[in-house]
Amino acid sequence: MTVKELIQQLQNMPPEQLVVIRGLEGGVDEVSDLENVRVALDVNEDWYYGAHEILDPRDHGDPQDEIVKAIHLRNGVGDNG
């Protein structure tokens, strides 16, 4: 999903509605922060990992990886990356 697509969908929702993300072991947490990140696409194959990986700001990634800029919705508490 792109920022444009997200904005289009959010415009149809009540502005006071809570935004949540899945918790680590279950439940949900409120989104408390947005972070600009670089993401290596399709680098994880195990089912229990997300398909993509956020890169550390100092990490340039592997040359064969497709790296893109992304927005990371964070919950702020225990959300390291």
N, C-alpha and C. Protein backbone atom coordinates (compact mmCIF):
# COMPACT_ATOMS: atom_id res chain seq x y z
N MET A 1 0.85 -1.17 0.00
CA MET A 1 0.00 0.00 0.00
C MET A 1 0.90 1.23 0.00
N THR A 2 0.54 2.20 -0.80
CA THR A 2 1.29 3.45 -0.85
C THR A 2 0.66 4.49 0.07
N VAL A 3 1.38 5.58 0.33
CA VAL A 3 0.83 6.67 1.14
C VAL A 3 -0.44 7.21 0.49
N LYS A 4 -0.42 7.36 -0.83
CA LYS A 4 -1.60 7.87 -1.55
C LYS A 4 -2.81 6.97 -1.31
N GLU A 5 -2.61 5.66 -1.43
CA GLU A 5 -3.72 4.71 -1.21
C GLU A 5 -4.20 4.74 0.23
N LEU A 6 -3.27 4.86 1.18
CA LEU A 6 -3.64 4.95 2.59
C LEU A 6 -4.46 6.20 2.86
N ILE A 7 -4.03 7.33 2.33
CA ILE A 7 -4.77 8.59 2.51
C ILE A 7 -6.18 8.47 1.94
N GLN A 8 -6.31 7.89 0.75
CA GLN A 8 -7.62 7.73 0.13
C GLN A 8 -8.55 6.91 1.03
N GLN A 9 -8.04 5.83 1.60
CA GLN A 9 -8.88 4.99 2.46
C GLN A 9 -9.19 5.70 3.78
N LEU A 10 -8.21 6.39 4.35
CA LEU A 10 -8.43 7.08 5.62
C LEU A 10 -9.41 8.23 5.49
N GLN A 11 -9.51 8.85 4.32
CA GLN A 11 -10.44 9.96 4.12
C GLN A 11 -11.89 9.53 4.27
N ASN A 12 -12.17 8.24 4.14
CA ASN A 12 -13.53 7.73 4.27
C ASN A 12 -13.85 7.28 5.69
N MET A 13 -12.94 7.50 6.63
CA MET A 13 -13.13 7.02 8.00
C MET A 13 -13.32 8.21 8.94
N PRO A 14 -13.98 7.97 10.06
CA PRO A 14 -14.14 9.04 11.05
C PRO A 14 -12.78 9.52 11.54
N PRO A 15 -12.52 10.82 11.58
CA PRO A 15 -11.20 11.32 11.95
C PRO A 15 -10.80 11.01 13.40
N GLU A 16 -11.77 10.71 14.26
CA GLU A 16 -11.46 10.40 15.66
C GLU A 16 -11.20 8.91 15.89
N GLN A 17 -11.33 8.10 14.84
CA GLN A 17 -11.20 6.65 14.99
C GLN A 17 -9.76 6.27 15.33
N LEU A 18 -9.61 5.34 16.26
CA LEU A 18 -8.31 4.85 16.71
C LEU A 18 -7.63 4.04 15.62
N VAL A 19 -6.31 4.17 15.50
CA VAL A 19 -5.51 3.38 14.56
C VAL A 19 -4.64 2.44 15.38
N VAL A 20 -4.69 1.14 15.08
CA VAL A 20 -3.95 0.14 15.84
C VAL A 20 -3.11 -0.73 14.91
N ILE A 21 -2.10 -1.37 15.48
CA ILE A 21 -1.30 -2.37 14.78
C ILE A 21 -1.23 -3.61 15.65
N ARG A 22 -0.98 -4.73 15.01
CA ARG A 22 -0.92 -6.01 15.71
C ARG A 22 0.19 -6.00 16.74
N GLY A 23 -0.08 -6.56 17.92
CA GLY A 23 0.93 -6.70 18.96
C GLY A 23 1.86 -7.86 18.66
N LEU A 24 2.94 -7.94 19.40
CA LEU A 24 3.95 -8.96 19.16
C LEU A 24 3.42 -10.37 19.35
N GLU A 25 2.78 -10.64 20.45
CA GLU A 25 2.28 -12.00 20.75
C GLU A 25 0.77 -12.11 20.59
N GLY A 26 0.10 -11.01 20.36
CA GLY A 26 -1.35 -10.99 20.25
C GLY A 26 -1.87 -9.63 20.67
N GLY A 27 -3.14 -9.43 20.56
CA GLY A 27 -3.71 -8.13 20.88
C GLY A 27 -3.29 -7.08 19.87
N VAL A 28 -3.59 -5.83 20.19
CA VAL A 28 -3.22 -4.71 19.33
C VAL A 28 -2.69 -3.56 20.18
N ASP A 29 -1.92 -2.68 19.56
CA ASP A 29 -1.40 -1.47 20.19
C ASP A 29 -1.79 -0.28 19.33
N GLU A 30 -1.91 0.90 19.98
CA GLU A 30 -2.17 2.12 19.24
C GLU A 30 -0.92 2.53 18.47
N VAL A 31 -1.11 3.07 17.27
CA VAL A 31 0.00 3.65 16.52
C VAL A 31 0.34 4.98 17.20
N SER A 32 1.61 5.17 17.52
CA SER A 32 2.01 6.39 18.22
C SER A 32 3.04 7.20 17.45
N ASP A 33 3.57 6.64 16.36
CA ASP A 33 4.66 7.33 15.67
C ASP A 33 4.76 6.82 14.24
N LEU A 34 5.25 7.65 13.36
CA LEU A 34 5.58 7.27 11.99
C LEU A 34 7.07 7.44 11.83
N GLU A 35 7.70 6.53 11.10
CA GLU A 35 9.14 6.58 10.92
C GLU A 35 9.47 6.32 9.45
N ASN A 36 10.32 7.16 8.88
CA ASN A 36 10.83 6.91 7.53
C ASN A 36 11.93 5.87 7.63
N VAL A 37 11.81 4.81 6.84
CA VAL A 37 12.79 3.72 6.89
C VAL A 37 13.14 3.27 5.47
N ARG A 38 14.19 2.48 5.37
CA ARG A 38 14.52 1.79 4.12
C ARG A 38 14.25 0.31 4.36
N VAL A 39 13.64 -0.34 3.38
CA VAL A 39 13.20 -1.72 3.52
C VAL A 39 13.79 -2.56 2.39
N ALA A 40 14.34 -3.72 2.75
CA ALA A 40 14.77 -4.70 1.76
C ALA A 40 13.56 -5.59 1.48
N LEU A 41 13.13 -5.65 0.23
CA LEU A 41 11.91 -6.37 -0.14
C LEU A 41 12.17 -7.87 -0.32
N ASP A 42 11.22 -8.67 0.13
CA ASP A 42 11.18 -10.11 -0.11
C ASP A 42 12.46 -10.84 0.29
N VAL A 43 12.97 -10.54 1.49
CA VAL A 43 14.22 -11.18 1.93
C VAL A 43 13.99 -12.29 2.96
N ASN A 44 12.79 -12.37 3.53
CA ASN A 44 12.51 -13.40 4.53
C ASN A 44 11.57 -14.45 3.95
N GLU A 45 11.95 -15.71 4.11
CA GLU A 45 11.13 -16.80 3.57
C GLU A 45 10.35 -17.55 4.63
N ASP A 46 10.80 -17.51 5.89
CA ASP A 46 10.10 -18.23 6.95
C ASP A 46 8.73 -17.61 7.21
N TRP A 47 7.71 -18.44 7.42
CA TRP A 47 6.33 -17.98 7.56
C TRP A 47 6.14 -17.06 8.77
N TYR A 48 6.98 -17.20 9.78
CA TYR A 48 6.80 -16.44 11.01
C TYR A 48 7.48 -15.07 10.97
N TYR A 49 8.14 -14.74 9.86
CA TYR A 49 8.69 -13.40 9.65
C TYR A 49 7.88 -12.69 8.58
N GLY A 50 7.83 -11.38 8.67
CA GLY A 50 7.27 -10.61 7.57
C GLY A 50 8.17 -10.78 6.35
N ALA A 51 7.63 -10.61 5.17
CA ALA A 51 8.38 -10.83 3.93
C ALA A 51 9.55 -9.85 3.78
N HIS A 52 9.41 -8.64 4.31
CA HIS A 52 10.41 -7.59 4.12
C HIS A 52 11.15 -7.32 5.42
N GLU A 53 12.29 -6.61 5.31
CA GLU A 53 13.09 -6.33 6.50
C GLU A 53 13.47 -4.85 6.51
N ILE A 54 13.24 -4.18 7.66
CA ILE A 54 13.68 -2.79 7.83
C ILE A 54 15.19 -2.81 8.02
N LEU A 55 15.88 -1.95 7.28
CA LEU A 55 17.33 -1.87 7.38
C LEU A 55 17.73 -0.86 8.45
N ASP A 56 18.78 -1.17 9.16
CA ASP A 56 19.41 -0.21 10.06
C ASP A 56 19.89 0.96 9.19
N PRO A 57 19.83 2.20 9.68
CA PRO A 57 20.25 3.34 8.85
C PRO A 57 21.67 3.22 8.30
N ARG A 58 22.54 2.49 9.00
CA ARG A 58 23.93 2.33 8.54
C ARG A 58 24.08 1.18 7.56
N ASP A 59 23.04 0.35 7.40
CA ASP A 59 23.11 -0.85 6.57
C ASP A 59 22.73 -0.50 5.13
N HIS A 60 23.56 -0.87 4.20
CA HIS A 60 23.28 -0.61 2.78
C HIS A 60 22.58 -1.79 2.13
N GLY A 61 22.41 -2.90 2.84
CA GLY A 61 21.75 -4.07 2.29
C GLY A 61 22.66 -4.81 1.33
N ASP A 62 22.22 -5.98 0.91
CA ASP A 62 22.96 -6.77 -0.07
C ASP A 62 22.71 -6.20 -1.46
N PRO A 63 23.72 -6.24 -2.33
CA PRO A 63 23.55 -5.67 -3.67
C PRO A 63 22.39 -6.27 -4.47
N GLN A 64 22.06 -7.54 -4.21
CA GLN A 64 20.98 -8.18 -4.97
C GLN A 64 19.59 -7.84 -4.41
N ASP A 65 19.51 -7.25 -3.22
CA ASP A 65 18.22 -6.92 -2.63
C ASP A 65 17.63 -5.66 -3.25
N GLU A 66 16.31 -5.65 -3.40
CA GLU A 66 15.62 -4.44 -3.82
C GLU A 66 15.32 -3.63 -2.56
N ILE A 67 15.87 -2.42 -2.50
CA ILE A 67 15.71 -1.55 -1.33
C ILE A 67 14.78 -0.41 -1.71
N VAL A 68 13.76 -0.16 -0.87
CA VAL A 68 12.82 0.93 -1.12
C VAL A 68 12.64 1.76 0.15
N LYS A 69 12.19 3.00 -0.02
CA LYS A 69 11.82 3.84 1.12
C LYS A 69 10.41 3.47 1.53
N ALA A 70 10.15 3.53 2.85
CA ALA A 70 8.84 3.15 3.36
C ALA A 70 8.51 3.96 4.61
N ILE A 71 7.25 3.95 4.99
CA ILE A 71 6.79 4.54 6.24
C ILE A 71 6.46 3.40 7.18
N HIS A 72 7.06 3.41 8.36
CA HIS A 72 6.82 2.38 9.37
C HIS A 72 5.88 2.95 10.42
N LEU A 73 4.72 2.35 10.60
CA LEU A 73 3.78 2.74 11.66
C LEU A 73 4.26 2.06 12.93
N ARG A 74 4.58 2.85 13.94
CA ARG A 74 5.16 2.30 15.17
C ARG A 74 4.20 2.45 16.34
N ASN A 75 4.39 1.59 17.33
CA ASN A 75 3.61 1.72 18.56
C ASN A 75 4.42 2.37 19.66
N GLY A 76 5.71 2.57 19.44
CA GLY A 76 6.54 3.31 20.38
C GLY A 76 7.05 2.50 21.56
N VAL A 77 6.28 1.56 22.07
CA VAL A 77 6.68 0.79 23.25
C VAL A 77 7.25 -0.54 22.81
N GLY A 78 8.54 -0.75 23.02
CA GLY A 78 9.18 -2.01 22.65
C GLY A 78 9.27 -2.23 21.16
N ASP A 79 9.08 -1.19 20.38
CA ASP A 79 9.11 -1.30 18.93
C ASP A 79 10.45 -0.78 18.45
N ASN A 80 11.39 -1.69 18.28
CA ASN A 80 12.77 -1.30 17.97
C ASN A 80 13.04 -1.13 16.51
N GLY A 81 12.17 -1.52 15.67
CA GLY A 81 12.67 -1.41 14.35
C GLY A 81 11.75 -1.62 13.28
